Amino acid sequence: MNKKPFSCWVGCILPASLILSWWLATRYGWIDSRLLAPIDKVLAAPFNPVVRKLVIEGLLASLGRNLEGALIGSFIGLLFGALLGFSRTADRTLGPSFHVFRQIAMFAWIPLLTAWFGIGEATRILFISIAAFKPMVMNTQEGIRSVPAAYLEVGRAMCLSRWQMLRKVILPAALPSSLTGLQLAFIASWLATIGVETLVSFSVGVGSILREGQEHFHMEVLFFGIILIGALGFVFNSLVNVGSRRLLRWRVSNT
């Protein structure tokens, strides 16, 4: 019996319950509609010309900004994580500084970045890159360090060169952890994108929808923005999951 459809339905129970509770609360006046906008008004929000303009312009700006920052941060994180994973000397020298760096809360960087680079696009891209950098470093290093000793012994027994050992043994074994790091990097970069767009003024993006709702106390716009951001984040995560599964098909076929 296929349990997948059943598990999908089970996952819909909580969202359906929340939507029903939301509708009942606004329909019967259990909560002030100025604080919790009715569902029909939230669904009608994108038909507002101001909101529609923010969505059209903001989607393109946010997606481009998020992709650029995520790719920069992930690439640098991949290189730095590989350095820490391959070199014990680099890990002892640079590892402690990185672990202090990653303990700094993400939004603590905004005052410094705005002081150095102003409130322009450079600040937003740097902030997103920092968010993507951290999980990529950690997972890449962990993936390289976690290569089973048996794999390395087989490689040595086959007299593989250092380059062959890296290409045929270490990198394939570390790939799942690196892909997990990439997935976490894109999640972190999306959260950072929305955060920096909301907190740093004069930025066009999906986060500006939240600012519009907050500044004018339009709760239907605020809730629509939250739902849109959650839906886009879910789509990004799903796309990375699909890509990861495709890249790791060889592991499934070998098990």
C-alpha atoms as a PDB file:
ATOM      1  CA  MET A   1       0.000   0.000   0.000  1.00  0.00           C
ATOM      2  CA  ASN A   2       1.322   3.425  -1.001  1.00  0.00           C
ATOM      3  CA  LYS A   3       1.473   5.621   2.086  1.00  0.00           C
ATOM      4  CA  LYS A   4       2.683   8.739   0.269  1.00  0.00           C
ATOM      5  CA  PRO A   5      -0.756  10.221  -0.581  1.00  0.00           C
ATOM      6  CA  PHE A   6      -1.882   9.610   3.006  1.00  0.00           C
ATOM      7  CA  SER A   7       1.188  11.371   4.428  1.00  0.00           C
ATOM      8  CA  CYS A   8       0.520  14.353   2.120  1.00  0.00           C
ATOM      9  CA  TRP A   9      -3.030  14.625   3.429  1.00  0.00           C
ATOM     10  CA  VAL A  10      -1.804  14.413   7.022  1.00  0.00           C
ATOM     11  CA  GLY A  11       0.541  17.318   6.343  1.00  0.00           C
ATOM     12  CA  CYS A  12      -2.456  19.442   5.280  1.00  0.00           C
ATOM     13  CA  ILE A  13      -4.307  19.026   8.582  1.00  0.00           C
ATOM     14  CA  LEU A  14      -2.491  21.790  10.471  1.00  0.00           C
ATOM     15  CA  PRO A  15      -2.660  24.434   7.683  1.00  0.00           C
ATOM     16  CA  ALA A  16      -6.339  23.644   7.071  1.00  0.00           C
ATOM     17  CA  SER A  17      -7.070  23.949  10.799  1.00  0.00           C
ATOM     18  CA  LEU A  18      -5.293  27.300  11.007  1.00  0.00           C
ATOM     19  CA  ILE A  19      -7.168  28.643   7.951  1.00  0.00           C
ATOM     20  CA  LEU A  20     -10.485  27.488   9.393  1.00  0.00           C
ATOM     21  CA  SER A  21      -9.704  29.077  12.759  1.00  0.00           C
ATOM     22  CA  TRP A  22      -8.665  32.277  10.996  1.00  0.00           C
ATOM     23  CA  TRP A  23     -11.933  32.387   9.012  1.00  0.00           C
ATOM     24  CA  LEU A  24     -14.065  31.711  12.093  1.00  0.00           C
ATOM     25  CA  ALA A  25     -12.232  34.306  14.192  1.00  0.00           C
ATOM     26  CA  THR A  26     -12.775  37.074  11.618  1.00  0.00           C
ATOM     27  CA  ARG A  27     -16.255  35.913  10.551  1.00  0.00           C
ATOM     28  CA  TYR A  28     -17.700  35.998  14.054  1.00  0.00           C
ATOM     29  CA  GLY A  29     -15.629  38.879  15.393  1.00  0.00           C
ATOM     30  CA  TRP A  30     -13.601  36.908  17.950  1.00  0.00           C
ATOM     31  CA  ILE A  31     -10.571  39.034  16.995  1.00  0.00           C
ATOM     32  CA  ASP A  32     -10.541  42.669  15.910  1.00  0.00           C
ATOM     33  CA  SER A  33     -10.385  42.709  12.085  1.00  0.00           C
ATOM     34  CA  ARG A  34      -7.966  45.641  12.303  1.00  0.00           C
ATOM     35  CA  LEU A  35      -5.446  43.226  13.831  1.00  0.00           C
ATOM     36  CA  LEU A  36      -6.320  40.037  11.930  1.00  0.00           C
ATOM     37  CA  ALA A  37      -7.489  40.808   8.405  1.00  0.00           C
ATOM     38  CA  PRO A  38     -10.262  38.605   6.947  1.00  0.00           C
ATOM     39  CA  ILE A  39      -9.093  35.990   4.467  1.00  0.00           C
ATOM     40  CA  ASP A  40     -11.092  37.467   1.585  1.00  0.00           C
ATOM     41  CA  LYS A  41      -9.339  40.843   2.032  1.00  0.00           C
ATOM     42  CA  VAL A  42      -5.934  39.141   2.121  1.00  0.00           C
ATOM     43  CA  LEU A  43      -6.724  37.287  -1.124  1.00  0.00           C
ATOM     44  CA  ALA A  44      -7.872  40.556  -2.700  1.00  0.00           C
ATOM     45  CA  ALA A  45      -4.690  42.417  -1.676  1.00  0.00           C
ATOM     46  CA  PRO A  46      -2.713  41.674  -4.895  1.00  0.00           C
ATOM     47  CA  PHE A  47      -5.487  43.354  -6.918  1.00  0.00           C
ATOM     48  CA  ASN A  48      -4.650  46.638  -5.207  1.00  0.00           C
ATOM     49  CA  PRO A  49      -2.638  48.641  -7.816  1.00  0.00           C
ATOM     50  CA  VAL A  50      -0.026  49.687  -5.242  1.00  0.00           C
ATOM     51  CA  VAL A  51       0.466  46.130  -3.981  1.00  0.00           C
ATOM     52  CA  ARG A  52       0.459  44.698  -7.508  1.00  0.00           C
ATOM     53  CA  LYS A  53       3.230  47.100  -8.507  1.00  0.00           C
ATOM     54  CA  LEU A  54       5.238  46.151  -5.405  1.00  0.00           C
ATOM     55  CA  VAL A  55       4.815  42.447  -6.210  1.00  0.00           C
ATOM     56  CA  ILE A  56       5.816  42.737  -9.885  1.00  0.00           C
ATOM     57  CA  GLU A  57       8.850  44.925  -9.233  1.00  0.00           C
ATOM     58  CA  GLY A  58       9.733  43.269  -5.935  1.00  0.00           C
ATOM     59  CA  LEU A  59       9.729  39.675  -7.177  1.00  0.00           C
ATOM     60  CA  LEU A  60      12.314  40.340  -9.866  1.00  0.00           C
ATOM     61  CA  ALA A  61      14.488  42.409  -7.523  1.00  0.00           C
ATOM     62  CA  SER A  62      14.317  39.899  -4.656  1.00  0.00           C
ATOM     63  CA  LEU A  63      14.953  36.835  -6.816  1.00  0.00           C
ATOM     64  CA  GLY A  64      17.963  38.417  -8.517  1.00  0.00           C
ATOM     65  CA  ARG A  65      19.352  39.722  -5.229  1.00  0.00           C
ATOM     66  CA  ASN A  66      18.824  36.403  -3.474  1.00  0.00           C
ATOM     67  CA  LEU A  67      20.396  34.354  -6.266  1.00  0.00           C
ATOM     68  CA  GLU A  68      23.440  36.621  -6.537  1.00  0.00           C
ATOM     69  CA  GLY A  69      24.086  36.721  -2.804  1.00  0.00           C
ATOM     70  CA  ALA A  70      23.447  32.984  -2.338  1.00  0.00           C
ATOM     71  CA  LEU A  71      25.806  31.991  -5.148  1.00  0.00           C
ATOM     72  CA  ILE A  72      28.605  34.287  -3.950  1.00  0.00           C
ATOM     73  CA  GLY A  73      28.301  33.164  -0.332  1.00  0.00           C
ATOM     74  CA  SER A  74      27.952  29.473  -1.234  1.00  0.00           C
ATOM     75  CA  PHE A  75      30.949  29.496  -3.582  1.00  0.00           C
ATOM     76  CA  ILE A  76      33.240  31.208  -1.068  1.00  0.00           C
ATOM     77  CA  GLY A  77      31.856  28.959   1.686  1.00  0.00           C
ATOM     78  CA  LEU A  78      32.548  25.856  -0.419  1.00  0.00           C
ATOM     79  CA  LEU A  79      36.174  26.884  -0.928  1.00  0.00           C
ATOM     80  CA  PHE A  80      36.719  27.851   2.696  1.00  0.00           C
ATOM     81  CA  GLY A  81      34.981  24.726   3.999  1.00  0.00           C
ATOM     82  CA  ALA A  82      37.105  22.549   1.709  1.00  0.00           C
ATOM     83  CA  LEU A  83      40.239  24.268   3.021  1.00  0.00           C
ATOM     84  CA  LEU A  84      39.249  23.563   6.625  1.00  0.00           C
ATOM     85  CA  GLY A  85      38.266  20.013   5.745  1.00  0.00           C
ATOM     86  CA  PHE A  86      41.437  19.075   3.886  1.00  0.00           C
ATOM     87  CA  SER A  87      44.002  20.939   5.975  1.00  0.00           C
ATOM     88  CA  ARG A  88      44.352  20.313   9.704  1.00  0.00           C
ATOM     89  CA  THR A  89      46.729  23.280   9.853  1.00  0.00           C
ATOM     90  CA  ALA A  90      44.139  25.593   8.289  1.00  0.00           C
ATOM     91  CA  ASP A  91      41.489  24.234  10.651  1.00  0.00           C
ATOM     92  CA  ARG A  92      43.663  24.914  13.708  1.00  0.00           C
ATOM     93  CA  THR A  93      44.627  28.358  12.408  1.00  0.00           C
ATOM     94  CA  LEU A  94      41.380  29.637  10.910  1.00  0.00           C
ATOM     95  CA  GLY A  95      38.755  27.353  12.471  1.00  0.00           C
ATOM     96  CA  PRO A  96      38.489  29.129  15.860  1.00  0.00           C
ATOM     97  CA  SER A  97      38.026  32.521  14.167  1.00  0.00           C
ATOM     98  CA  PHE A  98      35.299  31.105  11.917  1.00  0.00           C
ATOM     99  CA  HIS A  99      33.435  29.601  14.872  1.00  0.00           C
ATOM    100  CA  VAL A 100      33.487  32.979  16.631  1.00  0.00           C
ATOM    101  CA  PHE A 101      32.312  34.615  13.390  1.00  0.00           C
ATOM    102  CA  ARG A 102      29.361  32.250  12.969  1.00  0.00           C
ATOM    103  CA  GLN A 103      28.127  32.985  16.496  1.00  0.00           C
ATOM    104  CA  ILE A 104      27.455  36.612  15.559  1.00  0.00           C
ATOM    105  CA  ALA A 105      23.732  37.117  14.967  1.00  0.00           C
ATOM    106  CA  MET A 106      22.981  37.851  11.313  1.00  0.00           C
ATOM    107  CA  PHE A 107      21.162  41.126  11.865  1.00  0.00           C
ATOM    108  CA  ALA A 108      24.043  42.442  13.961  1.00  0.00           C
ATOM    109  CA  TRP A 109      25.896  42.925  10.658  1.00  0.00           C
ATOM    110  CA  ILE A 110      23.399  45.437   9.257  1.00  0.00           C
ATOM    111  CA  PRO A 111      24.597  48.505  11.259  1.00  0.00           C
ATOM    112  CA  LEU A 112      28.218  47.792  10.320  1.00  0.00           C
ATOM    113  CA  LEU A 113      27.498  47.128   6.644  1.00  0.00           C
ATOM    114  CA  THR A 114      25.334  50.230   6.302  1.00  0.00           C
ATOM    115  CA  ALA A 115      28.051  52.318   8.018  1.00  0.00           C
ATOM    116  CA  TRP A 116      30.677  51.008   5.601  1.00  0.00           C
ATOM    117  CA  PHE A 117      28.724  50.718   2.350  1.00  0.00           C
ATOM    118  CA  GLY A 118      25.597  52.818   2.895  1.00  0.00           C
ATOM    119  CA  ILE A 119      22.089  51.561   2.145  1.00  0.00           C
ATOM    120  CA  GLY A 120      22.741  50.571  -1.464  1.00  0.00           C
ATOM    121  CA  GLU A 121      22.720  47.238  -3.233  1.00  0.00           C
ATOM    122  CA  ALA A 122      26.246  46.322  -2.086  1.00  0.00           C
ATOM    123  CA  THR A 123      25.077  46.161   1.527  1.00  0.00           C
ATOM    124  CA  ARG A 124      22.165  43.883   0.666  1.00  0.00           C
ATOM    125  CA  ILE A 125      24.284  41.497  -1.430  1.00  0.00           C
ATOM    126  CA  LEU A 126      27.003  41.312   1.240  1.00  0.00           C
ATOM    127  CA  PHE A 127      24.461  40.592   3.950  1.00  0.00           C
ATOM    128  CA  ILE A 128      22.860  37.790   1.921  1.00  0.00           C
ATOM    129  CA  SER A 129      26.290  36.363   1.076  1.00  0.00           C
ATOM    130  CA  ILE A 130      27.265  36.212   4.750  1.00  0.00           C
ATOM    131  CA  ALA A 131      24.043  34.316   5.507  1.00  0.00           C
ATOM    132  CA  ALA A 132      24.766  31.725   2.792  1.00  0.00           C
ATOM    133  CA  PHE A 133      28.458  31.465   3.668  1.00  0.00           C
ATOM    134  CA  LYS A 134      28.086  30.027   7.180  1.00  0.00           C
ATOM    135  CA  PRO A 135      26.092  26.806   6.538  1.00  0.00           C
ATOM    136  CA  MET A 136      28.083  26.083   3.386  1.00  0.00           C
ATOM    137  CA  VAL A 137      31.391  26.165   5.268  1.00  0.00           C
ATOM    138  CA  MET A 138      30.160  23.962   8.095  1.00  0.00           C
ATOM    139  CA  ASN A 139      28.591  21.279   5.910  1.00  0.00           C
ATOM    140  CA  THR A 140      31.446  21.159   3.406  1.00  0.00           C
ATOM    141  CA  GLN A 141      34.006  20.749   6.160  1.00  0.00           C
ATOM    142  CA  GLU A 142      31.892  18.119   7.902  1.00  0.00           C
ATOM    143  CA  GLY A 143      31.355  16.201   4.645  1.00  0.00           C
ATOM    144  CA  ILE A 144      35.095  16.010   3.910  1.00  0.00           C
ATOM    145  CA  ARG A 145      36.009  15.088   7.463  1.00  0.00           C
ATOM    146  CA  SER A 146      33.311  12.395   7.585  1.00  0.00           C
ATOM    147  CA  VAL A 147      34.538  10.382   4.593  1.00  0.00           C
ATOM    148  CA  PRO A 148      34.649   6.792   5.905  1.00  0.00           C
ATOM    149  CA  ALA A 149      38.159   5.466   6.521  1.00  0.00           C
ATOM    150  CA  ALA A 150      37.241   2.313   4.592  1.00  0.00           C
ATOM    151  CA  TYR A 151      36.767   4.395   1.425  1.00  0.00           C
ATOM    152  CA  LEU A 152      40.218   5.901   1.826  1.00  0.00           C
ATOM    153  CA  GLU A 153      41.758   2.470   2.419  1.00  0.00           C
ATOM    154  CA  VAL A 154      40.182   1.161  -0.784  1.00  0.00           C
ATOM    155  CA  GLY A 155      41.567   4.139  -2.682  1.00  0.00           C
ATOM    156  CA  ARG A 156      45.049   3.530  -1.320  1.00  0.00           C
ATOM    157  CA  ALA A 157      44.787  -0.180  -2.113  1.00  0.00           C
ATOM    158  CA  MET A 158      43.940   0.736  -5.716  1.00  0.00           C
ATOM    159  CA  CYS A 159      47.057   2.985  -5.791  1.00  0.00           C
ATOM    160  CA  LEU A 160      45.042   6.082  -6.682  1.00  0.00           C
ATOM    161  CA  SER A 161      46.943   9.322  -6.987  1.00  0.00           C
ATOM    162  CA  ARG A 162      46.036  12.260  -4.732  1.00  0.00           C
ATOM    163  CA  TRP A 163      44.009  13.840  -7.531  1.00  0.00           C
ATOM    164  CA  GLN A 164      42.206  10.553  -8.271  1.00  0.00           C
ATOM    165  CA  MET A 165      41.549  10.049  -4.555  1.00  0.00           C
ATOM    166  CA  LEU A 166      40.028  13.518  -4.361  1.00  0.00           C
ATOM    167  CA  ARG A 167      37.942  13.165  -7.510  1.00  0.00           C
ATOM    168  CA  LYS A 168      36.778   9.562  -7.178  1.00  0.00           C
ATOM    169  CA  VAL A 169      36.589   9.027  -3.418  1.00  0.00           C
ATOM    170  CA  ILE A 170      36.544  12.144  -1.251  1.00  0.00           C
ATOM    171  CA  LEU A 171      34.365  14.498  -3.315  1.00  0.00           C
ATOM    172  CA  PRO A 172      31.614  11.928  -4.094  1.00  0.00           C
ATOM    173  CA  ALA A 173      31.515  10.887  -0.424  1.00  0.00           C
ATOM    174  CA  ALA A 174      31.344  14.532   0.738  1.00  0.00           C
ATOM    175  CA  LEU A 175      28.766  15.551  -1.880  1.00  0.00           C
ATOM    176  CA  PRO A 176      25.611  14.774   0.181  1.00  0.00           C
ATOM    177  CA  SER A 177      26.785  16.949   3.060  1.00  0.00           C
ATOM    178  CA  SER A 178      27.783  19.758   0.669  1.00  0.00           C
ATOM    179  CA  LEU A 179      24.363  19.641  -0.992  1.00  0.00           C
ATOM    180  CA  THR A 180      22.743  19.864   2.424  1.00  0.00           C
ATOM    181  CA  GLY A 181      24.910  22.912   3.044  1.00  0.00           C
ATOM    182  CA  LEU A 182      23.744  24.395  -0.264  1.00  0.00           C
ATOM    183  CA  GLN A 183      20.129  23.815   0.687  1.00  0.00           C
ATOM    184  CA  LEU A 184      20.645  25.479   4.070  1.00  0.00           C
ATOM    185  CA  ALA A 185      22.557  28.302   2.365  1.00  0.00           C
ATOM    186  CA  PHE A 186      19.611  29.056   0.084  1.00  0.00           C
ATOM    187  CA  ILE A 187      17.187  28.944   3.005  1.00  0.00           C
ATOM    188  CA  ALA A 188      19.391  31.313   5.020  1.00  0.00           C
ATOM    189  CA  SER A 189      19.912  33.607   2.027  1.00  0.00           C
ATOM    190  CA  TRP A 190      16.163  33.880   1.419  1.00  0.00           C
ATOM    191  CA  LEU A 191      15.541  34.786   5.063  1.00  0.00           C
ATOM    192  CA  ALA A 192      18.372  37.317   4.846  1.00  0.00           C
ATOM    193  CA  THR A 193      16.936  38.759   1.620  1.00  0.00           C
ATOM    194  CA  ILE A 194      13.572  39.443   3.221  1.00  0.00           C
ATOM    195  CA  GLY A 195      15.187  40.718   6.410  1.00  0.00           C
ATOM    196  CA  VAL A 196      17.492  43.205   4.710  1.00  0.00           C
ATOM    197  CA  GLU A 197      14.721  44.417   2.384  1.00  0.00           C
ATOM    198  CA  THR A 198      12.451  45.011   5.345  1.00  0.00           C
ATOM    199  CA  LEU A 199      15.008  46.689   7.610  1.00  0.00           C
ATOM    200  CA  VAL A 200      17.098  48.676   5.120  1.00  0.00           C
ATOM    201  CA  SER A 201      15.014  51.495   3.670  1.00  0.00           C
ATOM    202  CA  PHE A 202      14.666  52.430   0.006  1.00  0.00           C
ATOM    203  CA  SER A 203      15.007  48.864  -1.244  1.00  0.00           C
ATOM    204  CA  VAL A 204      12.667  47.436  -3.853  1.00  0.00           C
ATOM    205  CA  GLY A 205      11.801  43.818  -3.141  1.00  0.00           C
ATOM    206  CA  VAL A 206       9.264  41.445  -1.676  1.00  0.00           C
ATOM    207  CA  GLY A 207      10.167  42.778   1.767  1.00  0.00           C
ATOM    208  CA  SER A 208       8.844  46.198   0.715  1.00  0.00           C
ATOM    209  CA  ILE A 209       5.345  44.663   0.726  1.00  0.00           C
ATOM    210  CA  LEU A 210       5.721  44.116   4.467  1.00  0.00           C
ATOM    211  CA  ARG A 211       6.890  47.706   4.905  1.00  0.00           C
ATOM    212  CA  GLU A 212       3.880  48.970   2.969  1.00  0.00           C
ATOM    213  CA  GLY A 213       1.500  47.039   5.200  1.00  0.00           C
ATOM    214  CA  GLN A 214       3.263  48.094   8.393  1.00  0.00           C
ATOM    215  CA  GLU A 215       3.613  51.795   7.596  1.00  0.00           C
ATOM    216  CA  HIS A 216      -0.035  52.215   6.550  1.00  0.00           C
ATOM    217  CA  PHE A 217      -1.414  49.608   8.984  1.00  0.00           C
ATOM    218  CA  HIS A 218      -2.945  47.609   6.145  1.00  0.00           C
ATOM    219  CA  MET A 219      -3.063  44.205   7.775  1.00  0.00           C
ATOM    220  CA  GLU A 220      -4.359  42.483   4.647  1.00  0.00           C
ATOM    221  CA  VAL A 221      -1.239  43.639   2.768  1.00  0.00           C
ATOM    222  CA  LEU A 222       1.006  42.545   5.645  1.00  0.00           C
ATOM    223  CA  PHE A 223      -0.541  39.063   5.773  1.00  0.00           C
ATOM    224  CA  PHE A 224      -0.431  38.736   1.990  1.00  0.00           C
ATOM    225  CA  GLY A 225       3.277  39.581   2.059  1.00  0.00           C
ATOM    226  CA  ILE A 226       3.949  36.977   4.744  1.00  0.00           C
ATOM    227  CA  ILE A 227       2.081  34.285   2.791  1.00  0.00           C
ATOM    228  CA  LEU A 228       3.880  35.210  -0.455  1.00  0.00           C
ATOM    229  CA  ILE A 229       7.290  35.060   1.232  1.00  0.00           C
ATOM    230  CA  GLY A 230       6.501  31.663   2.772  1.00  0.00           C
ATOM    231  CA  ALA A 231       5.277  30.285  -0.567  1.00  0.00           C
ATOM    232  CA  LEU A 232       8.381  31.484  -2.417  1.00  0.00           C
ATOM    233  CA  GLY A 233      10.656  30.024   0.264  1.00  0.00           C
ATOM    234  CA  PHE A 234       8.844  26.691  -0.031  1.00  0.00           C
ATOM    235  CA  VAL A 235       9.325  26.709  -3.810  1.00  0.00           C
ATOM    236  CA  PHE A 236      13.054  27.472  -3.480  1.00  0.00           C
ATOM    237  CA  ASN A 237      13.513  24.686  -0.952  1.00  0.00           C
ATOM    238  CA  SER A 238      11.612  22.231  -3.164  1.00  0.00           C
ATOM    239  CA  LEU A 239      13.725  23.119  -6.213  1.00  0.00           C
ATOM    240  CA  VAL A 240      16.963  22.587  -4.282  1.00  0.00           C
ATOM    241  CA  ASN A 241      15.603  19.268  -2.965  1.00  0.00           C
ATOM    242  CA  VAL A 242      14.779  18.096  -6.488  1.00  0.00           C
ATOM    243  CA  GLY A 243      18.228  19.125  -7.731  1.00  0.00           C
ATOM    244  CA  SER A 244      19.914  17.348  -4.823  1.00  0.00           C
ATOM    245  CA  ARG A 245      18.002  14.128  -5.470  1.00  0.00           C
ATOM    246  CA  ARG A 246      18.971  14.215  -9.136  1.00  0.00           C
ATOM    247  CA  LEU A 247      22.642  14.702  -8.306  1.00  0.00           C
ATOM    248  CA  LEU A 248      22.532  11.862  -5.793  1.00  0.00           C
ATOM    249  CA  ARG A 249      20.712   9.316  -7.950  1.00  0.00           C
ATOM    250  CA  TRP A 250      23.918   7.287  -8.152  1.00  0.00           C
ATOM    251  CA  ARG A 251      23.767   6.712  -4.378  1.00  0.00           C
ATOM    252  CA  VAL A 252      20.249   5.368  -4.601  1.00  0.00           C
ATOM    253  CA  SER A 253      21.115   3.049  -7.479  1.00  0.00           C
ATOM    254  CA  ASN A 254      24.131   1.703  -5.554  1.00  0.00           C
ATOM    255  CA  THR A 255      22.192   0.944  -2.365  1.00  0.00           C
END
